[in-house]
Protein backbone atom coordinates (compact mmCIF):
# COMPACT_ATOMS: atom_id res chain seq x y z
CA MET A 1 -56.00 8.54 -75.17
CA MET A 2 -55.08 11.09 -72.51
CA ARG A 3 -51.37 10.52 -73.14
CA ALA A 4 -51.87 11.07 -76.86
CA VAL A 5 -53.69 14.34 -76.17
CA LEU A 6 -50.86 15.51 -73.92
CA VAL A 7 -48.28 14.68 -76.58
CA ILE A 8 -50.24 16.68 -79.18
CA LEU A 9 -50.64 19.63 -76.82
CA SER A 10 -46.92 19.58 -76.00
CA PHE A 11 -46.08 19.59 -79.72
CA LEU A 12 -48.44 22.50 -80.40
CA PHE A 13 -47.01 24.44 -77.46
CA ALA A 14 -43.44 23.92 -78.62
CA THR A 15 -44.34 24.92 -82.18
CA ALA A 16 -46.16 28.06 -81.10
CA THR A 17 -43.49 29.20 -78.66
CA ALA A 18 -40.73 28.55 -81.18
CA ALA A 19 -42.62 30.71 -83.66
CA LEU A 20 -42.85 33.50 -81.09
CA ALA A 21 -39.14 33.16 -80.41
CA ALA A 22 -38.42 33.80 -84.06
CA GLY A 23 -39.74 37.32 -83.55
CA GLY A 24 -36.55 38.30 -81.77
CA ASN A 25 -37.90 39.32 -78.35
CA TYR A 26 -37.79 35.87 -76.80
CA THR A 27 -35.26 35.34 -74.01
CA VAL A 28 -33.64 31.93 -74.28
CA ARG A 29 -33.88 29.61 -71.27
CA ALA A 30 -32.15 26.44 -70.10
CA GLY A 31 -33.60 23.39 -71.85
CA ASP A 32 -34.26 25.19 -75.14
CA THR A 33 -32.74 23.76 -78.33
CA LEU A 34 -31.20 26.19 -80.81
CA SER A 35 -30.30 25.72 -84.45
CA VAL A 36 -26.99 27.35 -85.41
CA GLU A 37 -26.00 27.81 -89.06
CA VAL A 38 -22.72 29.25 -90.33
CA LEU A 39 -23.25 30.27 -93.95
CA GLU A 40 -19.55 30.16 -94.76
CA ASP A 41 -19.04 26.60 -93.41
CA SER A 42 -22.03 24.27 -93.42
CA SER A 43 -20.04 21.56 -91.59
CA LEU A 44 -20.50 23.63 -88.42
CA ASN A 45 -24.29 23.67 -88.70
CA ARG A 46 -25.96 21.87 -85.79
CA ASN A 47 -28.61 21.94 -83.08
CA VAL A 48 -27.32 22.84 -79.63
CA LEU A 49 -28.93 22.42 -76.22
CA VAL A 50 -28.98 25.19 -73.63
CA LEU A 51 -27.64 23.45 -70.53
CA PRO A 52 -28.95 23.87 -66.97
CA ASP A 53 -26.10 26.36 -66.33
CA GLY A 54 -27.27 28.47 -69.29
CA GLN A 55 -24.37 27.61 -71.59
CA ILE A 56 -24.20 26.16 -75.09
CA ASN A 57 -21.15 24.53 -76.67
CA PHE A 58 -20.04 25.22 -80.22
CA PRO A 59 -16.91 24.28 -82.18
CA PHE A 60 -14.12 26.87 -81.97
CA ALA A 61 -16.24 29.11 -79.70
CA GLY A 62 -16.32 26.69 -76.75
CA SER A 63 -18.86 27.51 -74.03
CA VAL A 64 -21.10 30.48 -74.82
CA SER A 65 -23.64 32.00 -72.45
CA ALA A 66 -27.16 31.69 -73.91
CA ALA A 67 -29.79 31.68 -71.13
CA GLY A 68 -31.17 35.14 -70.49
CA ARG A 69 -30.09 36.39 -73.92
CA THR A 70 -32.02 37.10 -77.10
CA ILE A 71 -31.29 35.33 -80.37
CA GLY A 72 -29.47 38.41 -81.67
CA GLN A 73 -27.21 38.52 -78.63
CA ILE A 74 -26.35 34.83 -78.98
CA GLN A 75 -25.57 35.30 -82.68
CA GLY A 76 -23.19 38.12 -81.80
CA ALA A 77 -21.43 36.02 -79.17
CA LEU A 78 -20.98 33.12 -81.59
CA VAL A 79 -19.61 35.38 -84.32
CA ALA A 80 -17.08 36.77 -81.84
CA GLY A 81 -16.13 33.25 -80.79
CA ILE A 82 -15.43 31.83 -84.25
CA GLU A 83 -14.47 34.80 -86.42
CA ASP A 84 -10.72 34.22 -86.01
CA GLN A 85 -11.22 30.97 -87.98
CA PHE A 86 -12.37 32.88 -91.08
CA GLN A 87 -10.81 35.42 -93.41
CA THR A 88 -13.92 37.60 -93.22
CA THR A 89 -16.55 37.96 -90.50
CA PRO A 90 -18.77 34.86 -90.68
CA THR A 91 -22.54 34.99 -90.98
CA VAL A 92 -24.16 33.10 -88.11
CA VAL A 93 -27.90 32.44 -88.04
CA VAL A 94 -29.48 31.23 -84.78
CA SER A 95 -33.07 30.11 -84.34
CA VAL A 96 -35.08 28.35 -81.65
CA VAL A 97 -36.21 24.92 -82.79
CA ASN A 98 -37.62 23.54 -79.56
CA ILE A 99 -38.92 25.02 -76.32
CA PRO A 100 -39.86 22.31 -73.82
CA LEU A 101 -43.21 22.45 -72.11
CA ARG A 102 -42.59 23.79 -68.62
CA THR A 103 -45.10 22.99 -65.89
CA ALA A 104 -45.37 24.32 -62.38
CA PRO A 105 -43.92 21.95 -59.75
CA SER A 106 -46.42 19.82 -57.90
CA SER A 107 -46.80 20.15 -54.15
CA GLN A 108 -47.48 16.42 -53.87
CA SER A 109 -44.53 14.16 -53.12
CA VAL A 110 -44.91 11.45 -55.74
CA ALA A 111 -42.41 9.57 -57.85
CA PRO A 112 -41.91 11.29 -61.22
CA ALA A 113 -43.22 9.54 -64.30
CA THR A 114 -40.17 10.78 -66.20
CA ILE A 115 -36.78 12.29 -65.46
CA ASN A 116 -34.94 15.01 -67.38
CA VAL A 117 -31.64 14.08 -69.02
CA TYR A 118 -29.59 16.35 -71.29
CA LEU A 119 -27.81 15.09 -74.40
CA MET A 120 -25.28 17.57 -75.72
CA GLY A 121 -22.09 18.10 -77.65
CA GLU A 122 -21.13 16.40 -80.89
CA VAL A 123 -24.36 14.51 -81.57
CA ASN A 124 -26.76 15.15 -84.41
CA ASN A 125 -29.84 15.48 -82.22
CA PRO A 126 -28.94 17.14 -78.91
CA GLY A 127 -31.53 18.31 -76.46
CA LEU A 128 -33.56 17.64 -73.36
CA ARG A 129 -34.86 14.10 -73.07
CA GLU A 130 -37.72 13.10 -70.80
CA VAL A 131 -37.13 9.42 -70.10
CA THR A 132 -38.58 6.87 -67.73
CA PRO A 133 -36.65 6.13 -64.53
CA GLY A 134 -34.33 3.20 -65.08
CA THR A 135 -33.20 4.31 -68.55
CA SER A 136 -29.53 3.49 -69.10
CA PHE A 137 -26.69 5.45 -70.69
CA LEU A 138 -26.65 3.34 -73.86
CA GLN A 139 -30.41 3.52 -74.26
CA LEU A 140 -30.36 7.31 -74.04
CA LEU A 141 -27.36 7.66 -76.34
CA SER A 142 -29.28 5.77 -79.03
CA GLN A 143 -31.68 8.75 -79.18
CA GLY A 144 -28.93 11.17 -80.21
CA GLY A 145 -29.19 10.57 -83.96
CA GLY A 146 -25.56 9.53 -84.27
CA PHE A 147 -22.33 11.47 -83.79
CA THR A 148 -21.03 14.44 -85.78
CA LYS A 149 -17.67 14.21 -87.53
CA PHE A 150 -16.18 16.29 -84.70
CA ALA A 151 -17.13 13.75 -82.01
CA ALA A 152 -14.50 12.38 -79.62
CA THR A 153 -16.22 9.02 -79.14
CA LYS A 154 -13.41 7.72 -76.93
CA ARG A 155 -14.21 10.35 -74.31
CA VAL A 156 -17.99 10.34 -73.86
CA GLN A 157 -19.02 11.59 -70.43
CA VAL A 158 -21.95 11.23 -68.08
CA ARG A 159 -21.90 14.21 -65.71
CA ARG A 160 -23.95 14.00 -62.51
CA ARG A 161 -24.28 16.69 -59.85
CA ASP A 162 -25.15 15.85 -56.24
CA ALA A 163 -28.23 17.89 -55.34
CA THR A 164 -27.16 18.09 -51.69
CA THR A 165 -23.46 18.92 -51.88
CA GLY A 166 -23.25 20.39 -55.38
CA ALA A 167 -20.27 18.14 -56.15
CA GLU A 168 -20.08 16.81 -59.72
CA ARG A 169 -19.14 13.27 -60.61
CA VAL A 170 -17.98 12.47 -64.14
CA TYR A 171 -18.20 8.98 -65.65
CA LYS A 172 -15.95 8.55 -68.72
CA ILE A 173 -16.85 5.99 -71.35
CA ASN A 174 -14.95 4.85 -74.46
CA TYR A 175 -17.85 4.45 -76.87
CA ARG A 176 -15.52 3.68 -79.77
CA ALA A 177 -14.24 0.61 -77.94
CA LEU A 178 -17.81 -0.48 -77.20
CA ALA A 179 -18.72 -0.12 -80.87
CA ASN A 180 -15.76 -2.38 -81.70
CA GLY A 181 -17.02 -5.11 -79.40
CA ALA A 182 -15.57 -4.25 -76.00
CA ALA A 183 -17.69 -5.08 -72.97
CA LEU A 184 -19.19 -2.38 -70.77
CA SER A 185 -18.48 -3.30 -67.15
CA GLU A 186 -21.60 -1.49 -65.97
CA ASP A 187 -24.25 0.33 -68.01
CA ILE A 188 -24.94 3.53 -66.05
CA ILE A 189 -28.54 4.01 -64.98
CA LEU A 190 -29.38 7.67 -65.51
CA ALA A 191 -30.62 10.03 -62.82
CA ASN A 192 -32.64 13.23 -63.07
CA GLY A 193 -30.44 16.09 -64.29
CA ASP A 194 -27.69 13.92 -65.78
CA VAL A 195 -25.81 15.41 -68.73
CA ILE A 196 -24.39 13.14 -71.42
CA LEU A 197 -21.61 15.06 -73.12
CA VAL A 198 -19.89 14.03 -76.35
CA PRO A 199 -16.86 16.37 -76.49
CA GLU A 200 -15.22 17.80 -79.57
CA ARG A 201 -12.37 15.77 -81.00
CA ARG A 202 -8.87 17.15 -80.55
CA LEU A 203 -6.49 17.66 -83.45
CA PHE A 204 -5.09 14.28 -84.64
CA GLU A 205 -7.32 12.39 -82.17
């Protein structure tokens, strides 16, 4: 019962804060999910996750700074990033579709009930995922709602940063081969802060 109440409260919080964000004064933060629509090319429409470093990724524009900016500022940056692909200046509409519930850190040293993992890039349902410890790469990827037509499924990445040294390790996985029956030598068990990135497909890839 308590868990159900917490889920409902989290949903109401996200809905209310997303509504406030629509007013234009909200400053986007890491972990938020944004909806981006390009009126001139609906194939570019997608939800994008604001990564821990404050960036979002969008076709043709690449990495765009989002954290600390308003919706209007992000729209302007995206227009500047993609306008050379259009004959006239494109119309980009950005909105906040999810703001995760953020709680103050606990002073008690206890094992977390969930860990935060980020699913981003060319998937239909990117965003922050709160998963139980022990969740694997393939289990998490199944929550992405499938790949977009821009997805480079041969080059899926799991990016993990060492909290002590700051060094990043990148695991590369050929999901296309797995889907065709290849064996995965080791299903990666995810750690807190991992980013699963499905990059954009290159020309003729």
